[in-house]
Amino acid sequence: MSDWEDHAASMRDRATRLFATALKARDDGNDAYAEELTRLASEAIDEAADIEKAPTQATGASSHVGQHVPNPQRVKGRRRDRRVE
């Protein structure tokens, strides 16, 4: 398992624990705390999903690494702007 997969799994485990604690808080009558824990659990799930998407996006971006794209303002002899007045 890679580091990013391990981190995503860790975030999902955290979400599971937060949801369980939120259920306990709701059972105990502490609705505000339960809602906050549920929000945090949802954020953890979203973060895990983002982590799982990241390697796919990084792979696509890596094909552009090392390609040089010149800055048009720095290219010698090139006209910067043609304005029609």
N, C-alpha and C. Protein backbone atom coordinates (compact mmCIF):
# COMPACT_ATOMS: atom_id res chain seq x y z
N MET A 1 0.85 -1.17 0.00
CA MET A 1 0.00 0.00 0.00
C MET A 1 0.90 1.24 0.00
N SER A 2 0.60 2.20 -0.89
CA SER A 2 1.41 3.41 -0.96
C SER A 2 1.05 4.37 0.18
N ASP A 3 1.85 5.40 0.33
CA ASP A 3 1.61 6.38 1.39
C ASP A 3 0.25 7.05 1.23
N TRP A 4 -0.10 7.42 -0.02
CA TRP A 4 -1.37 8.12 -0.21
C TRP A 4 -2.55 7.19 0.05
N GLU A 5 -2.42 5.91 -0.31
CA GLU A 5 -3.50 4.96 -0.02
C GLU A 5 -3.63 4.75 1.48
N ASP A 6 -2.49 4.70 2.17
CA ASP A 6 -2.49 4.53 3.62
C ASP A 6 -3.13 5.74 4.29
N HIS A 7 -2.83 6.93 3.79
CA HIS A 7 -3.40 8.14 4.37
C HIS A 7 -4.91 8.20 4.13
N ALA A 8 -5.35 7.82 2.94
CA ALA A 8 -6.79 7.81 2.64
C ALA A 8 -7.51 6.82 3.55
N ALA A 9 -6.92 5.65 3.75
CA ALA A 9 -7.52 4.65 4.64
C ALA A 9 -7.58 5.17 6.07
N SER A 10 -6.54 5.87 6.47
CA SER A 10 -6.50 6.46 7.80
C SER A 10 -7.62 7.50 7.98
N MET A 11 -7.85 8.31 6.94
CA MET A 11 -8.92 9.31 7.01
C MET A 11 -10.30 8.64 7.07
N ARG A 12 -10.46 7.53 6.36
CA ARG A 12 -11.74 6.80 6.42
C ARG A 12 -11.95 6.18 7.81
N ASP A 13 -10.88 5.67 8.41
CA ASP A 13 -10.98 5.13 9.77
C ASP A 13 -11.36 6.24 10.76
N ARG A 14 -10.76 7.40 10.57
CA ARG A 14 -11.08 8.53 11.44
C ARG A 14 -12.56 8.90 11.30
N ALA A 15 -13.06 8.92 10.06
CA ALA A 15 -14.46 9.24 9.82
C ALA A 15 -15.37 8.23 10.52
N THR A 16 -15.00 6.96 10.46
CA THR A 16 -15.80 5.91 11.11
C THR A 16 -15.87 6.15 12.62
N ARG A 17 -14.73 6.48 13.22
CA ARG A 17 -14.71 6.75 14.67
C ARG A 17 -15.53 7.99 15.01
N LEU A 18 -15.42 9.03 14.17
CA LEU A 18 -16.19 10.25 14.42
C LEU A 18 -17.69 9.99 14.31
N PHE A 19 -18.11 9.22 13.30
CA PHE A 19 -19.53 8.88 13.18
C PHE A 19 -20.02 8.09 14.38
N ALA A 20 -19.22 7.14 14.85
CA ALA A 20 -19.60 6.34 16.02
C ALA A 20 -19.75 7.23 17.25
N THR A 21 -18.83 8.16 17.42
CA THR A 21 -18.90 9.07 18.56
C THR A 21 -20.10 10.01 18.42
N ALA A 22 -20.40 10.41 17.18
CA ALA A 22 -21.57 11.26 16.94
C ALA A 22 -22.87 10.53 17.31
N LEU A 23 -22.95 9.25 16.97
CA LEU A 23 -24.15 8.47 17.35
C LEU A 23 -24.29 8.39 18.87
N LYS A 24 -23.17 8.16 19.55
CA LYS A 24 -23.19 8.10 21.01
C LYS A 24 -23.63 9.45 21.60
N ALA A 25 -23.09 10.54 21.04
CA ALA A 25 -23.46 11.88 21.52
C ALA A 25 -24.95 12.13 21.31
N ARG A 26 -25.48 11.71 20.17
CA ARG A 26 -26.91 11.89 19.91
C ARG A 26 -27.75 11.07 20.89
N ASP A 27 -27.31 9.83 21.15
CA ASP A 27 -28.01 8.98 22.12
C ASP A 27 -28.01 9.61 23.51
N ASP A 28 -26.91 10.32 23.83
CA ASP A 28 -26.79 10.96 25.14
C ASP A 28 -27.52 12.30 25.20
N GLY A 29 -28.12 12.71 24.07
CA GLY A 29 -28.87 13.96 24.05
C GLY A 29 -28.05 15.19 23.72
N ASN A 30 -26.85 14.99 23.28
CA ASN A 30 -25.98 16.13 22.95
C ASN A 30 -25.98 16.34 21.42
N ASP A 31 -27.07 16.90 20.93
CA ASP A 31 -27.27 17.03 19.49
C ASP A 31 -26.27 17.96 18.81
N ALA A 32 -25.93 19.07 19.45
CA ALA A 32 -24.98 20.01 18.84
C ALA A 32 -23.61 19.36 18.64
N TYR A 33 -23.17 18.63 19.64
CA TYR A 33 -21.88 17.93 19.55
C TYR A 33 -21.95 16.85 18.47
N ALA A 34 -23.06 16.15 18.39
CA ALA A 34 -23.24 15.11 17.38
C ALA A 34 -23.17 15.71 15.97
N GLU A 35 -23.78 16.87 15.77
CA GLU A 35 -23.74 17.52 14.46
C GLU A 35 -22.32 17.95 14.09
N GLU A 36 -21.59 18.46 15.06
CA GLU A 36 -20.20 18.87 14.80
C GLU A 36 -19.34 17.66 14.44
N LEU A 37 -19.50 16.58 15.16
CA LEU A 37 -18.74 15.36 14.86
C LEU A 37 -19.11 14.80 13.48
N THR A 38 -20.38 14.88 13.14
CA THR A 38 -20.82 14.42 11.83
C THR A 38 -20.21 15.27 10.72
N ARG A 39 -20.14 16.57 10.95
CA ARG A 39 -19.50 17.47 9.97
C ARG A 39 -18.03 17.11 9.79
N LEU A 40 -17.33 16.89 10.89
CA LEU A 40 -15.91 16.52 10.83
C LEU A 40 -15.72 15.18 10.12
N ALA A 41 -16.61 14.23 10.36
CA ALA A 41 -16.53 12.93 9.70
C ALA A 41 -16.73 13.09 8.20
N SER A 42 -17.67 13.92 7.81
CA SER A 42 -17.90 14.16 6.38
C SER A 42 -16.69 14.79 5.72
N GLU A 43 -16.05 15.72 6.42
CA GLU A 43 -14.83 16.34 5.89
C GLU A 43 -13.72 15.30 5.72
N ALA A 44 -13.61 14.38 6.66
CA ALA A 44 -12.59 13.33 6.58
C ALA A 44 -12.85 12.43 5.37
N ILE A 45 -14.11 12.11 5.12
CA ILE A 45 -14.46 11.29 3.96
C ILE A 45 -14.13 12.04 2.67
N ASP A 46 -14.46 13.33 2.62
CA ASP A 46 -14.14 14.14 1.44
C ASP A 46 -12.64 14.21 1.20
N GLU A 47 -11.88 14.36 2.27
CA GLU A 47 -10.42 14.42 2.14
C GLU A 47 -9.87 13.08 1.63
N ALA A 48 -10.41 11.98 2.12
CA ALA A 48 -9.97 10.66 1.64
C ALA A 48 -10.26 10.51 0.16
N ALA A 49 -11.41 10.97 -0.27
CA ALA A 49 -11.77 10.90 -1.69
C ALA A 49 -10.82 11.76 -2.52
N ASP A 50 -10.49 12.95 -2.03
CA ASP A 50 -9.55 13.83 -2.74
C ASP A 50 -8.17 13.18 -2.85
N ILE A 51 -7.74 12.53 -1.78
CA ILE A 51 -6.44 11.87 -1.77
C ILE A 51 -6.43 10.75 -2.80
N GLU A 52 -7.51 10.01 -2.88
CA GLU A 52 -7.59 8.90 -3.83
C GLU A 52 -7.59 9.38 -5.28
N LYS A 53 -8.12 10.57 -5.53
CA LYS A 53 -8.12 11.14 -6.87
C LYS A 53 -6.76 11.71 -7.25
N ALA A 54 -6.00 12.17 -6.27
CA ALA A 54 -4.74 12.89 -6.51
C ALA A 54 -3.75 12.11 -7.37
N PRO A 55 -3.49 10.83 -7.16
CA PRO A 55 -2.51 10.13 -7.99
C PRO A 55 -2.89 10.13 -9.47
N THR A 56 -4.16 10.02 -9.77
CA THR A 56 -4.61 10.04 -11.15
C THR A 56 -4.33 11.40 -11.76
N GLN A 57 -4.62 12.46 -11.04
CA GLN A 57 -4.38 13.80 -11.55
C GLN A 57 -2.89 14.07 -11.67
N ALA A 58 -2.10 13.60 -10.70
CA ALA A 58 -0.66 13.83 -10.74
C ALA A 58 -0.02 13.09 -11.91
N THR A 59 -0.51 11.91 -12.24
CA THR A 59 0.02 11.15 -13.35
C THR A 59 -0.19 11.91 -14.66
N GLY A 60 -1.36 12.49 -14.82
CA GLY A 60 -1.63 13.26 -16.03
C GLY A 60 -0.77 14.50 -16.11
N ALA A 61 -0.50 15.12 -14.99
CA ALA A 61 0.31 16.33 -14.98
C ALA A 61 1.78 16.03 -15.17
N SER A 62 2.22 14.84 -14.81
CA SER A 62 3.65 14.55 -14.87
C SER A 62 4.18 14.51 -16.28
N SER A 63 3.32 14.33 -17.28
CA SER A 63 3.80 14.30 -18.65
C SER A 63 4.27 15.68 -19.11
N HIS A 64 3.89 16.73 -18.38
CA HIS A 64 4.29 18.08 -18.74
C HIS A 64 5.54 18.54 -18.00
N VAL A 65 6.00 17.76 -17.07
CA VAL A 65 7.17 18.13 -16.29
C VAL A 65 8.38 18.17 -17.20
N GLY A 66 9.15 19.23 -17.08
CA GLY A 66 10.36 19.35 -17.87
C GLY A 66 10.15 20.07 -19.19
N GLN A 67 8.93 20.32 -19.60
CA GLN A 67 8.67 21.07 -20.81
C GLN A 67 8.80 22.54 -20.50
N HIS A 68 9.49 23.24 -21.36
CA HIS A 68 9.70 24.67 -21.15
C HIS A 68 8.73 25.45 -22.02
N VAL A 69 8.00 26.34 -21.40
CA VAL A 69 7.10 27.22 -22.13
C VAL A 69 7.63 28.63 -21.93
N PRO A 70 8.10 29.26 -23.01
CA PRO A 70 8.70 30.58 -22.85
C PRO A 70 7.67 31.64 -22.48
N ASN A 71 8.12 32.60 -21.71
CA ASN A 71 7.30 33.74 -21.36
C ASN A 71 7.34 34.69 -22.55
N PRO A 72 6.20 34.99 -23.18
CA PRO A 72 6.22 35.82 -24.39
C PRO A 72 6.81 37.21 -24.15
N GLN A 73 6.75 37.73 -22.95
CA GLN A 73 7.31 39.05 -22.68
C GLN A 73 8.82 39.02 -22.61
N ARG A 74 9.40 37.85 -22.44
CA ARG A 74 10.85 37.75 -22.33
C ARG A 74 11.52 37.31 -23.64
N VAL A 75 10.74 36.91 -24.61
CA VAL A 75 11.32 36.46 -25.86
C VAL A 75 11.81 37.69 -26.62
N LYS A 76 13.11 37.69 -26.92
CA LYS A 76 13.75 38.84 -27.54
C LYS A 76 13.23 39.05 -28.96
N GLY A 77 12.95 40.30 -29.29
CA GLY A 77 12.52 40.63 -30.63
C GLY A 77 11.04 40.41 -30.88
N ARG A 78 10.32 39.99 -29.91
CA ARG A 78 8.89 39.72 -30.09
C ARG A 78 8.09 40.94 -29.68
N ARG A 79 7.08 41.24 -30.44
CA ARG A 79 6.22 42.37 -30.10
C ARG A 79 5.34 41.98 -28.93
N ARG A 80 5.27 42.85 -27.97
CA ARG A 80 4.49 42.55 -26.76
C ARG A 80 3.00 42.68 -26.98
N ASP A 81 2.60 43.74 -27.62
CA ASP A 81 1.16 43.98 -27.71
C ASP A 81 0.89 44.83 -28.95
N ARG A 82 -0.04 44.39 -29.74
CA ARG A 82 -0.47 45.19 -30.88
C ARG A 82 -1.86 45.70 -30.57
N ARG A 83 -1.93 46.97 -30.38
CA ARG A 83 -3.24 47.57 -30.10
C ARG A 83 -3.69 48.37 -31.31
N VAL A 84 -4.92 48.17 -31.65
CA VAL A 84 -5.50 48.95 -32.74
C VAL A 84 -6.18 50.14 -32.11
N GLU A 85 -5.76 51.33 -32.55
CA GLU A 85 -6.35 52.54 -31.97
C GLU A 85 -7.21 53.24 -32.97
